[in-house]
Amino acid sequence: FMIQNSTSHNRVDELRELENEYRDILRNTIVREYLNA
């Protein structure tokens, strides 16, 4: 949320880094279902 609402010019890179940092949690089916819902 903070990255999406920032004025940073590197948002795409920051989001990519965030996804890499949380890769394991994002692969979890419970988390994935919650985020998709």
PDB file of all heavy atoms in Angstrom:
ATOM      1  N   PHE A   1       0.828  -1.205   0.000  1.00  0.00           N
ATOM      2  CA  PHE A   1       0.000   0.000   0.000  1.00  0.00           C
ATOM      3  C   PHE A   1       0.865   1.258   0.000  1.00  0.00           C
ATOM      4  O   PHE A   1       0.605   2.204  -0.744  1.00  0.00           O
ATOM      5  CB  PHE A   1      -0.937  -0.009   1.207  1.00  0.00           C
ATOM      6  CG  PHE A   1      -1.797   1.215   1.310  1.00  0.00           C
ATOM      7  CD1 PHE A   1      -2.983   1.297   0.603  1.00  0.00           C
ATOM      8  CD2 PHE A   1      -1.423   2.281   2.112  1.00  0.00           C
ATOM      9  CE1 PHE A   1      -3.780   2.441   0.684  1.00  0.00           C
ATOM     10  CE2 PHE A   1      -2.210   3.426   2.208  1.00  0.00           C
ATOM     11  CZ  PHE A   1      -3.391   3.501   1.491  1.00  0.00           C
ATOM     12  N   MET A   2       1.883   1.259   0.835  1.00  0.00           N
ATOM     13  CA  MET A   2       2.756   2.427   0.940  1.00  0.00           C
ATOM     14  C   MET A   2       3.485   2.680  -0.386  1.00  0.00           C
ATOM     15  O   MET A   2       3.591   3.825  -0.822  1.00  0.00           O
ATOM     16  CB  MET A   2       3.761   2.261   2.081  1.00  0.00           C
ATOM     17  CG  MET A   2       3.119   2.153   3.456  1.00  0.00           C
ATOM     18  SD  MET A   2       2.032   3.527   3.873  1.00  0.00           S
ATOM     19  CE  MET A   2       3.238   4.815   4.121  1.00  0.00           C
ATOM     20  N   ILE A   3       3.957   1.626  -1.021  1.00  0.00           N
ATOM     21  CA  ILE A   3       4.641   1.782  -2.305  1.00  0.00           C
ATOM     22  C   ILE A   3       3.661   2.269  -3.371  1.00  0.00           C
ATOM     23  O   ILE A   3       3.962   3.191  -4.133  1.00  0.00           O
ATOM     24  CB  ILE A   3       5.314   0.464  -2.747  1.00  0.00           C
ATOM     25  CG1 ILE A   3       6.464   0.113  -1.790  1.00  0.00           C
ATOM     26  CG2 ILE A   3       5.804   0.560  -4.188  1.00  0.00           C
ATOM     27  CD1 ILE A   3       7.017  -1.284  -1.980  1.00  0.00           C
ATOM     28  N   GLN A   4       2.482   1.656  -3.416  1.00  0.00           N
ATOM     29  CA  GLN A   4       1.482   2.028  -4.426  1.00  0.00           C
ATOM     30  C   GLN A   4       1.087   3.496  -4.310  1.00  0.00           C
ATOM     31  O   GLN A   4       0.767   4.140  -5.309  1.00  0.00           O
ATOM     32  CB  GLN A   4       0.224   1.164  -4.281  1.00  0.00           C
ATOM     33  CG  GLN A   4       0.422  -0.287  -4.590  1.00  0.00           C
ATOM     34  CD  GLN A   4       0.468  -0.592  -6.073  1.00  0.00           C
ATOM     35  OE1 GLN A   4       0.167   0.250  -6.907  1.00  0.00           O
ATOM     36  NE2 GLN A   4       0.858  -1.801  -6.411  1.00  0.00           N
ATOM     37  N   ASN A   5       1.100   4.022  -3.103  1.00  0.00           N
ATOM     38  CA  ASN A   5       0.661   5.394  -2.871  1.00  0.00           C
ATOM     39  C   ASN A   5       1.816   6.381  -2.699  1.00  0.00           C
ATOM     40  O   ASN A   5       1.598   7.520  -2.305  1.00  0.00           O
ATOM     41  CB  ASN A   5      -0.278   5.445  -1.660  1.00  0.00           C
ATOM     42  CG  ASN A   5      -1.585   4.772  -1.973  1.00  0.00           C
ATOM     43  OD1 ASN A   5      -2.377   5.275  -2.745  1.00  0.00           O
ATOM     44  ND2 ASN A   5      -1.787   3.597  -1.407  1.00  0.00           N
ATOM     45  N   SER A   6       3.011   5.948  -3.015  1.00  0.00           N
ATOM     46  CA  SER A   6       4.167   6.832  -2.895  1.00  0.00           C
ATOM     47  C   SER A   6       4.345   7.632  -4.181  1.00  0.00           C
ATOM     48  O   SER A   6       3.740   7.330  -5.210  1.00  0.00           O
ATOM     49  CB  SER A   6       5.434   6.031  -2.597  1.00  0.00           C
ATOM     50  OG  SER A   6       5.900   5.380  -3.757  1.00  0.00           O
ATOM     51  N   THR A   7       5.186   8.605  -4.103  1.00  0.00           N
ATOM     52  CA  THR A   7       5.504   9.409  -5.286  1.00  0.00           C
ATOM     53  C   THR A   7       6.848   8.997  -5.881  1.00  0.00           C
ATOM     54  O   THR A   7       7.378   9.682  -6.740  1.00  0.00           O
ATOM     55  CB  THR A   7       5.532  10.912  -4.926  1.00  0.00           C
ATOM     56  OG1 THR A   7       6.483  11.114  -3.886  1.00  0.00           O
ATOM     57  CG2 THR A   7       4.157  11.397  -4.501  1.00  0.00           C
ATOM     58  N   SER A   8       7.356   7.878  -5.417  1.00  0.00           N
ATOM     59  CA  SER A   8       8.649   7.381  -5.882  1.00  0.00           C
ATOM     60  C   SER A   8       8.614   7.082  -7.378  1.00  0.00           C
ATOM     61  O   SER A   8       7.609   6.615  -7.915  1.00  0.00           O
ATOM     62  CB  SER A   8       9.006   6.104  -5.122  1.00  0.00           C
ATOM     63  OG  SER A   8      10.136   5.488  -5.693  1.00  0.00           O
ATOM     64  N   HIS A   9       9.726   7.349  -8.026  1.00  0.00           N
ATOM     65  CA  HIS A   9       9.839   7.043  -9.453  1.00  0.00           C
ATOM     66  C   HIS A   9      10.278   5.598  -9.678  1.00  0.00           C
ATOM     67  O   HIS A   9      10.332   5.134 -10.816  1.00  0.00           O
ATOM     68  CB  HIS A   9      10.837   7.991 -10.120  1.00  0.00           C
ATOM     69  CG  HIS A   9      10.401   9.411 -10.067  1.00  0.00           C
ATOM     70  ND1 HIS A   9       9.334   9.898 -10.787  1.00  0.00           N
ATOM     71  CD2 HIS A   9      10.875  10.467  -9.359  1.00  0.00           C
ATOM     72  CE1 HIS A   9       9.167  11.178 -10.541  1.00  0.00           C
ATOM     73  NE2 HIS A   9      10.089  11.557  -9.674  1.00  0.00           N
ATOM     74  N   ASN A  10      10.576   4.892  -8.600  1.00  0.00           N
ATOM     75  CA  ASN A  10      11.055   3.511  -8.690  1.00  0.00           C
ATOM     76  C   ASN A  10      10.026   2.516  -8.184  1.00  0.00           C
ATOM     77  O   ASN A  10      10.380   1.451  -7.695  1.00  0.00           O
ATOM     78  CB  ASN A  10      12.352   3.358  -7.875  1.00  0.00           C
ATOM     79  CG  ASN A  10      13.449   4.244  -8.394  1.00  0.00           C
ATOM     80  OD1 ASN A  10      13.584   4.425  -9.592  1.00  0.00           O
ATOM     81  ND2 ASN A  10      14.225   4.810  -7.490  1.00  0.00           N
ATOM     82  N   ARG A  11       8.748   2.855  -8.284  1.00  0.00           N
ATOM     83  CA  ARG A  11       7.712   1.988  -7.719  1.00  0.00           C
ATOM     84  C   ARG A  11       7.745   0.578  -8.285  1.00  0.00           C
ATOM     85  O   ARG A  11       7.576  -0.382  -7.553  1.00  0.00           O
ATOM     86  CB  ARG A  11       6.325   2.596  -7.907  1.00  0.00           C
ATOM     87  CG  ARG A  11       6.026   3.651  -6.882  1.00  0.00           C
ATOM     88  CD  ARG A  11       4.591   4.041  -6.918  1.00  0.00           C
ATOM     89  NE  ARG A  11       4.360   4.788  -8.147  1.00  0.00           N
ATOM     90  CZ  ARG A  11       3.204   5.310  -8.488  1.00  0.00           C
ATOM     91  NH1 ARG A  11       2.174   5.165  -7.707  1.00  0.00           N
ATOM     92  NH2 ARG A  11       3.059   5.975  -9.606  1.00  0.00           N
ATOM     93  N   VAL A  12       7.954   0.451  -9.575  1.00  0.00           N
ATOM     94  CA  VAL A  12       7.970  -0.880 -10.192  1.00  0.00           C
ATOM     95  C   VAL A  12       9.090  -1.713  -9.577  1.00  0.00           C
ATOM     96  O   VAL A  12       8.887  -2.872  -9.205  1.00  0.00           O
ATOM     97  CB  VAL A  12       8.113  -0.782 -11.730  1.00  0.00           C
ATOM     98  CG1 VAL A  12       8.333  -2.148 -12.341  1.00  0.00           C
ATOM     99  CG2 VAL A  12       6.900  -0.102 -12.334  1.00  0.00           C
ATOM    100  N   ASP A  13      10.269  -1.117  -9.454  1.00  0.00           N
ATOM    101  CA  ASP A  13      11.396  -1.827  -8.841  1.00  0.00           C
ATOM    102  C   ASP A  13      11.116  -2.143  -7.378  1.00  0.00           C
ATOM    103  O   ASP A  13      11.428  -3.229  -6.889  1.00  0.00           O
ATOM    104  CB  ASP A  13      12.679  -1.006  -8.956  1.00  0.00           C
ATOM    105  CG  ASP A  13      13.150  -0.861 -10.389  1.00  0.00           C
ATOM    106  OD1 ASP A  13      12.829  -1.736 -11.217  1.00  0.00           O
ATOM    107  OD2 ASP A  13      13.842   0.135 -10.683  1.00  0.00           O
ATOM    108  N   GLU A  14      10.531  -1.192  -6.667  1.00  0.00           N
ATOM    109  CA  GLU A  14      10.217  -1.397  -5.253  1.00  0.00           C
ATOM    110  C   GLU A  14       9.193  -2.515  -5.068  1.00  0.00           C
ATOM    111  O   GLU A  14       9.307  -3.335  -4.154  1.00  0.00           O
ATOM    112  CB  GLU A  14       9.703  -0.105  -4.623  1.00  0.00           C
ATOM    113  CG  GLU A  14      10.770   0.961  -4.496  1.00  0.00           C
ATOM    114  CD  GLU A  14      10.224   2.299  -4.033  1.00  0.00           C
ATOM    115  OE1 GLU A  14       9.071   2.355  -3.548  1.00  0.00           O
ATOM    116  OE2 GLU A  14      10.951   3.293  -4.161  1.00  0.00           O
ATOM    117  N   LEU A  15       8.204  -2.566  -5.944  1.00  0.00           N
ATOM    118  CA  LEU A  15       7.204  -3.638  -5.870  1.00  0.00           C
ATOM    119  C   LEU A  15       7.828  -4.988  -6.184  1.00  0.00           C
ATOM    120  O   LEU A  15       7.502  -5.999  -5.550  1.00  0.00           O
ATOM    121  CB  LEU A  15       6.036  -3.348  -6.820  1.00  0.00           C
ATOM    122  CG  LEU A  15       5.098  -2.244  -6.363  1.00  0.00           C
ATOM    123  CD1 LEU A  15       4.139  -1.863  -7.490  1.00  0.00           C
ATOM    124  CD2 LEU A  15       4.329  -2.659  -5.123  1.00  0.00           C
ATOM    125  N   ARG A  16       8.739  -5.001  -7.143  1.00  0.00           N
ATOM    126  CA  ARG A  16       9.442  -6.236  -7.485  1.00  0.00           C
ATOM    127  C   ARG A  16      10.263  -6.728  -6.288  1.00  0.00           C
ATOM    128  O   ARG A  16      10.247  -7.917  -5.958  1.00  0.00           O
ATOM    129  CB  ARG A  16      10.340  -5.988  -8.693  1.00  0.00           C
ATOM    130  CG  ARG A  16      10.481  -7.217  -9.568  1.00  0.00           C
ATOM    131  CD  ARG A  16      11.245  -6.937 -10.847  1.00  0.00           C
ATOM    132  NE  ARG A  16      10.351  -6.378 -11.855  1.00  0.00           N
ATOM    133  CZ  ARG A  16      10.602  -5.294 -12.580  1.00  0.00           C
ATOM    134  NH1 ARG A  16      11.716  -4.636 -12.435  1.00  0.00           N
ATOM    135  NH2 ARG A  16       9.748  -4.865 -13.469  1.00  0.00           N
ATOM    136  N   GLU A  17      10.958  -5.802  -5.642  1.00  0.00           N
ATOM    137  CA  GLU A  17      11.742  -6.145  -4.448  1.00  0.00           C
ATOM    138  C   GLU A  17      10.845  -6.659  -3.326  1.00  0.00           C
ATOM    139  O   GLU A  17      11.187  -7.626  -2.639  1.00  0.00           O
ATOM    140  CB  GLU A  17      12.526  -4.931  -3.958  1.00  0.00           C
ATOM    141  CG  GLU A  17      13.696  -4.556  -4.827  1.00  0.00           C
ATOM    142  CD  GLU A  17      14.375  -3.274  -4.369  1.00  0.00           C
ATOM    143  OE1 GLU A  17      14.266  -2.919  -3.174  1.00  0.00           O
ATOM    144  OE2 GLU A  17      15.020  -2.619  -5.212  1.00  0.00           O
ATOM    145  N   LEU A  18       9.705  -6.006  -3.155  1.00  0.00           N
ATOM    146  CA  LEU A  18       8.763  -6.432  -2.117  1.00  0.00           C
ATOM    147  C   LEU A  18       8.279  -7.853  -2.391  1.00  0.00           C
ATOM    148  O   LEU A  18       8.222  -8.687  -1.481  1.00  0.00           O
ATOM    149  CB  LEU A  18       7.580  -5.465  -2.065  1.00  0.00           C
ATOM    150  CG  LEU A  18       6.512  -5.782  -1.019  1.00  0.00           C
ATOM    151  CD1 LEU A  18       7.077  -5.637   0.387  1.00  0.00           C
ATOM    152  CD2 LEU A  18       5.302  -4.873  -1.210  1.00  0.00           C
ATOM    153  N   GLU A  19       7.930  -8.139  -3.626  1.00  0.00           N
ATOM    154  CA  GLU A  19       7.470  -9.481  -3.972  1.00  0.00           C
ATOM    155  C   GLU A  19       8.571 -10.511  -3.763  1.00  0.00           C
ATOM    156  O   GLU A  19       8.293 -11.632  -3.331  1.00  0.00           O
ATOM    157  CB  GLU A  19       6.930  -9.513  -5.396  1.00  0.00           C
ATOM    158  CG  GLU A  19       5.599  -8.816  -5.506  1.00  0.00           C
ATOM    159  CD  GLU A  19       4.973  -8.908  -6.883  1.00  0.00           C
ATOM    160  OE1 GLU A  19       5.437  -9.717  -7.721  1.00  0.00           O
ATOM    161  OE2 GLU A  19       4.013  -8.165  -7.118  1.00  0.00           O
ATOM    162  N   ASN A  20       9.806 -10.148  -4.066  1.00  0.00           N
ATOM    163  CA  ASN A  20      10.921 -11.065  -3.810  1.00  0.00           C
ATOM    164  C   ASN A  20      11.098 -11.301  -2.314  1.00  0.00           C
ATOM    165  O   ASN A  20      11.341 -12.418  -1.883  1.00  0.00           O
ATOM    166  CB  ASN A  20      12.217 -10.524  -4.417  1.00  0.00           C
ATOM    167  CG  ASN A  20      12.252 -10.692  -5.914  1.00  0.00           C
ATOM    168  OD1 ASN A  20      11.610 -11.570  -6.474  1.00  0.00           O
ATOM    169  ND2 ASN A  20      12.993  -9.828  -6.575  1.00  0.00           N
ATOM    170  N   GLU A  21      10.985 -10.242  -1.534  1.00  0.00           N
ATOM    171  CA  GLU A  21      11.143 -10.343  -0.077  1.00  0.00           C
ATOM    172  C   GLU A  21      10.072 -11.242   0.540  1.00  0.00           C
ATOM    173  O   GLU A  21      10.344 -11.993   1.480  1.00  0.00           O
ATOM    174  CB  GLU A  21      11.061  -8.944   0.539  1.00  0.00           C
ATOM    175  CG  GLU A  21      11.210  -8.914   2.046  1.00  0.00           C
ATOM    176  CD  GLU A  21      11.069  -7.518   2.626  1.00  0.00           C
ATOM    177  OE1 GLU A  21      11.067  -6.522   1.871  1.00  0.00           O
ATOM    178  OE2 GLU A  21      10.965  -7.428   3.859  1.00  0.00           O
ATOM    179  N   TYR A  22       8.857 -11.178   0.008  1.00  0.00           N
ATOM    180  CA  TYR A  22       7.732 -11.934   0.564  1.00  0.00           C
ATOM    181  C   TYR A  22       7.337 -13.125  -0.312  1.00  0.00           C
ATOM    182  O   TYR A  22       6.237 -13.643  -0.196  1.00  0.00           O
ATOM    183  CB  TYR A  22       6.532 -11.009   0.776  1.00  0.00           C
ATOM    184  CG  TYR A  22       6.716 -10.083   1.953  1.00  0.00           C
ATOM    185  CD1 TYR A  22       7.370  -8.873   1.823  1.00  0.00           C
ATOM    186  CD2 TYR A  22       6.245 -10.445   3.218  1.00  0.00           C
ATOM    187  CE1 TYR A  22       7.557  -8.027   2.908  1.00  0.00           C
ATOM    188  CE2 TYR A  22       6.416  -9.614   4.310  1.00  0.00           C
ATOM    189  CZ  TYR A  22       7.074  -8.406   4.143  1.00  0.00           C
ATOM    190  OH  TYR A  22       7.259  -7.579   5.225  1.00  0.00           O
ATOM    191  N   ARG A  23       8.264 -13.560  -1.161  1.00  0.00           N
ATOM    192  CA  ARG A  23       7.972 -14.633  -2.115  1.00  0.00           C
ATOM    193  C   ARG A  23       7.380 -15.872  -1.439  1.00  0.00           C
ATOM    194  O   ARG A  23       6.374 -16.421  -1.886  1.00  0.00           O
ATOM    195  CB  ARG A  23       9.232 -15.014  -2.880  1.00  0.00           C
ATOM    196  CG  ARG A  23       8.993 -16.140  -3.896  1.00  0.00           C
ATOM    197  CD  ARG A  23      10.221 -16.454  -4.694  1.00  0.00           C
ATOM    198  NE  ARG A  23      10.612 -15.257  -5.445  1.00  0.00           N
ATOM    199  CZ  ARG A  23      11.873 -14.864  -5.615  1.00  0.00           C
ATOM    200  NH1 ARG A  23      12.855 -15.560  -5.120  1.00  0.00           N
ATOM    201  NH2 ARG A  23      12.144 -13.789  -6.301  1.00  0.00           N
ATOM    202  N   ASP A  24       7.995 -16.314  -0.348  1.00  0.00           N
ATOM    203  CA  ASP A  24       7.518 -17.532   0.319  1.00  0.00           C
ATOM    204  C   ASP A  24       6.095 -17.379   0.840  1.00  0.00           C
ATOM    205  O   ASP A  24       5.261 -18.273   0.684  1.00  0.00           O
ATOM    206  CB  ASP A  24       8.456 -17.919   1.461  1.00  0.00           C
ATOM    207  CG  ASP A  24       9.802 -18.406   0.962  1.00  0.00           C
ATOM    208  OD1 ASP A  24       9.893 -18.792  -0.221  1.00  0.00           O
ATOM    209  OD2 ASP A  24      10.758 -18.381   1.751  1.00  0.00           O
ATOM    210  N   ILE A  25       5.819 -16.255   1.455  1.00  0.00           N
ATOM    211  CA  ILE A  25       4.479 -16.035   2.024  1.00  0.00           C
ATOM    212  C   ILE A  25       3.442 -15.909   0.907  1.00  0.00           C
ATOM    213  O   ILE A  25       2.308 -16.353   1.053  1.00  0.00           O
ATOM    214  CB  ILE A  25       4.462 -14.820   2.971  1.00  0.00           C
ATOM    215  CG1 ILE A  25       3.276 -14.890   3.904  1.00  0.00           C
ATOM    216  CG2 ILE A  25       4.404 -13.516   2.272  1.00  0.00           C
ATOM    217  CD1 ILE A  25       3.665 -15.193   5.283  1.00  0.00           C
ATOM    218  N   LEU A  26       3.836 -15.312  -0.210  1.00  0.00           N
ATOM    219  CA  LEU A  26       2.905 -15.131  -1.317  1.00  0.00           C
ATOM    220  C   LEU A  26       2.577 -16.443  -2.028  1.00  0.00           C
ATOM    221  O   LEU A  26       1.570 -16.538  -2.723  1.00  0.00           O
ATOM    222  CB  LEU A  26       3.460 -14.112  -2.320  1.00  0.00           C
ATOM    223  CG  LEU A  26       3.602 -12.688  -1.785  1.00  0.00           C
ATOM    224  CD1 LEU A  26       4.313 -11.803  -2.808  1.00  0.00           C
ATOM    225  CD2 LEU A  26       2.253 -12.106  -1.410  1.00  0.00           C
ATOM    226  N   ARG A  27       3.401 -17.437  -1.834  1.00  0.00           N
ATOM    227  CA  ARG A  27       3.142 -18.764  -2.421  1.00  0.00           C
ATOM    228  C   ARG A  27       2.196 -19.594  -1.568  1.00  0.00           C
ATOM    229  O   ARG A  27       1.664 -20.597  -2.031  1.00  0.00           O
ATOM    230  CB  ARG A  27       4.454 -19.526  -2.599  1.00  0.00           C
ATOM    231  CG  ARG A  27       5.294 -18.975  -3.711  1.00  0.00           C
ATOM    232  CD  ARG A  27       6.549 -19.777  -3.884  1.00  0.00           C
ATOM    233  NE  ARG A  27       7.341 -19.253  -4.990  1.00  0.00           N
ATOM    234  CZ  ARG A  27       8.616 -19.486  -5.153  1.00  0.00           C
ATOM    235  NH1 ARG A  27       9.273 -20.236  -4.291  1.00  0.00           N
ATOM    236  NH2 ARG A  27       9.257 -18.964  -6.173  1.00  0.00           N
ATOM    237  N   ASN A  28       1.990 -19.172  -0.346  1.00  0.00           N
ATOM    238  CA  ASN A  28       1.107 -19.893   0.570  1.00  0.00           C
ATOM    239  C   ASN A  28      -0.334 -19.784   0.060  1.00  0.00           C
ATOM    240  O   ASN A  28      -0.813 -18.688  -0.238  1.00  0.00           O
ATOM    241  CB  ASN A  28       1.230 -19.305   1.975  1.00  0.00           C
ATOM    242  CG  ASN A  28       0.376 -20.022   2.965  1.00  0.00           C
ATOM    243  OD1 ASN A  28      -0.840 -19.867   2.968  1.00  0.00           O
ATOM    244  ND2 ASN A  28       1.016 -20.813   3.811  1.00  0.00           N
ATOM    245  N   THR A  29      -1.037 -20.903  -0.035  1.00  0.00           N
ATOM    246  CA  THR A  29      -2.384 -20.903  -0.608  1.00  0.00           C
ATOM    247  C   THR A  29      -3.377 -20.090   0.230  1.00  0.00           C
ATOM    248  O   THR A  29      -4.281 -19.474  -0.323  1.00  0.00           O
ATOM    249  CB  THR A  29      -2.909 -22.340  -0.790  1.00  0.00           C
ATOM    250  OG1 THR A  29      -2.862 -23.023   0.463  1.00  0.00           O
ATOM    251  CG2 THR A  29      -2.103 -23.089  -1.819  1.00  0.00           C
ATOM    252  N   ILE A  30      -3.210 -20.072   1.543  1.00  0.00           N
ATOM    253  CA  ILE A  30      -4.119 -19.316   2.406  1.00  0.00           C
ATOM    254  C   ILE A  30      -3.934 -17.816   2.163  1.00  0.00           C
ATOM    255  O   ILE A  30      -4.908 -17.078   2.023  1.00  0.00           O
ATOM    256  CB  ILE A  30      -3.884 -19.680   3.892  1.00  0.00           C
ATOM    257  CG1 ILE A  30      -4.256 -21.136   4.138  1.00  0.00           C
ATOM    258  CG2 ILE A  30      -4.676 -18.744   4.812  1.00  0.00           C
ATOM    259  CD1 ILE A  30      -3.815 -21.669   5.497  1.00  0.00           C
ATOM    260  N   VAL A  31      -2.690 -17.376   2.098  1.00  0.00           N
ATOM    261  CA  VAL A  31      -2.392 -15.964   1.846  1.00  0.00           C
ATOM    262  C   VAL A  31      -2.826 -15.584   0.444  1.00  0.00           C
ATOM    263  O   VAL A  31      -3.455 -14.536   0.226  1.00  0.00           O
ATOM    264  CB  VAL A  31      -0.886 -15.667   2.054  1.00  0.00           C
ATOM    265  CG1 VAL A  31      -0.543 -14.253   1.606  1.00  0.00           C
ATOM    266  CG2 VAL A  31      -0.497 -15.883   3.501  1.00  0.00           C
ATOM    267  N   ARG A  32      -2.518 -16.427  -0.513  1.00  0.00           N
ATOM    268  CA  ARG A  32      -2.870 -16.143  -1.903  1.00  0.00           C
ATOM    269  C   ARG A  32      -4.390 -16.014  -2.067  1.00  0.00           C
ATOM    270  O   ARG A  32      -4.874 -15.099  -2.736  1.00  0.00           O
ATOM    271  CB  ARG A  32      -2.310 -17.230  -2.826  1.00  0.00           C
ATOM    272  CG  ARG A  32      -2.218 -16.790  -4.258  1.00  0.00           C
ATOM    273  CD  ARG A  32      -1.408 -17.712  -5.143  1.00  0.00           C
ATOM    274  NE  ARG A  32      -1.864 -19.085  -5.105  1.00  0.00           N
ATOM    275  CZ  ARG A  32      -1.122 -20.116  -4.649  1.00  0.00           C
ATOM    276  NH1 ARG A  32       0.102 -19.918  -4.226  1.00  0.00           N
ATOM    277  NH2 ARG A  32      -1.601 -21.335  -4.642  1.00  0.00           N
ATOM    278  N   GLU A  33      -5.146 -16.893  -1.437  1.00  0.00           N
ATOM    279  CA  GLU A  33      -6.611 -16.807  -1.523  1.00  0.00           C
ATOM    280  C   GLU A  33      -7.112 -15.517  -0.890  1.00  0.00           C
ATOM    281  O   GLU A  33      -7.999 -14.853  -1.422  1.00  0.00           O
ATOM    282  CB  GLU A  33      -7.264 -18.017  -0.854  1.00  0.00           C
ATOM    283  CG  GLU A  33      -8.777 -17.919  -0.696  1.00  0.00           C
ATOM    284  CD  GLU A  33      -9.555 -17.688  -1.989  1.00  0.00           C
ATOM    285  OE1 GLU A  33      -9.043 -17.951  -3.107  1.00  0.00           O
ATOM    286  OE2 GLU A  33     -10.708 -17.224  -1.888  1.00  0.00           O
ATOM    287  N   TYR A  34      -6.537 -15.151   0.254  1.00  0.00           N
ATOM    288  CA  TYR A  34      -6.943 -13.906   0.904  1.00  0.00           C
ATOM    289  C   TYR A  34      -6.644 -12.700   0.016  1.00  0.00           C
ATOM    290  O   TYR A  34      -7.513 -11.834  -0.184  1.00  0.00           O
ATOM    291  CB  TYR A  34      -6.242 -13.747   2.256  1.00  0.00           C
ATOM    292  CG  TYR A  34      -6.487 -12.402   2.869  1.00  0.00           C
ATOM    293  CD1 TYR A  34      -7.733 -12.084   3.399  1.00  0.00           C
ATOM    294  CD2 TYR A  34      -5.495 -11.426   2.879  1.00  0.00           C
ATOM    295  CE1 TYR A  34      -7.974 -10.828   3.938  1.00  0.00           C
ATOM    296  CE2 TYR A  34      -5.732 -10.175   3.414  1.00  0.00           C
ATOM    297  CZ  TYR A  34      -6.966  -9.884   3.942  1.00  0.00           C
ATOM    298  OH  TYR A  34      -7.198  -8.640   4.467  1.00  0.00           O
ATOM    299  N   LEU A  35      -5.440 -12.610  -0.515  1.00  0.00           N
ATOM    300  CA  LEU A  35      -5.065 -11.471  -1.349  1.00  0.00           C
ATOM    301  C   LEU A  35      -5.902 -11.412  -2.628  1.00  0.00           C
ATOM    302  O   LEU A  35      -6.301 -10.330  -3.069  1.00  0.00           O
ATOM    303  CB  LEU A  35      -3.567 -11.508  -1.672  1.00  0.00           C
ATOM    304  CG  LEU A  35      -2.632 -11.315  -0.476  1.00  0.00           C
ATOM    305  CD1 LEU A  35      -1.182 -11.509  -0.898  1.00  0.00           C
ATOM    306  CD2 LEU A  35      -2.847  -9.961   0.190  1.00  0.00           C
ATOM    307  N   ASN A  36      -6.189 -12.571  -3.218  1.00  0.00           N
ATOM    308  CA  ASN A  36      -7.031 -12.605  -4.411  1.00  0.00           C
ATOM    309  C   ASN A  36      -8.459 -12.174  -4.096  1.00  0.00           C
ATOM    310  O   ASN A  36      -9.071 -11.425  -4.859  1.00  0.00           O
ATOM    311  CB  ASN A  36      -7.025 -13.994  -5.047  1.00  0.00           C
ATOM    312  CG  ASN A  36      -5.722 -14.320  -5.732  1.00  0.00           C
ATOM    313  OD1 ASN A  36      -4.958 -13.436  -6.096  1.00  0.00           O
ATOM    314  ND2 ASN A  36      -5.444 -15.604  -5.890  1.00  0.00           N
ATOM    315  N   ALA A  37      -8.990 -12.628  -2.966  1.00  0.00           N
ATOM    316  CA  ALA A  37     -10.345 -12.257  -2.564  1.00  0.00           C
ATOM    317  C   ALA A  37     -10.424 -10.765  -2.248  1.00  0.00           C
ATOM    318  O   ALA A  37     -11.392 -10.089  -2.608  1.00  0.00           O
ATOM    319  CB  ALA A  37     -10.783 -13.085  -1.357  1.00  0.00           C
TER     320      ALA A  37
END
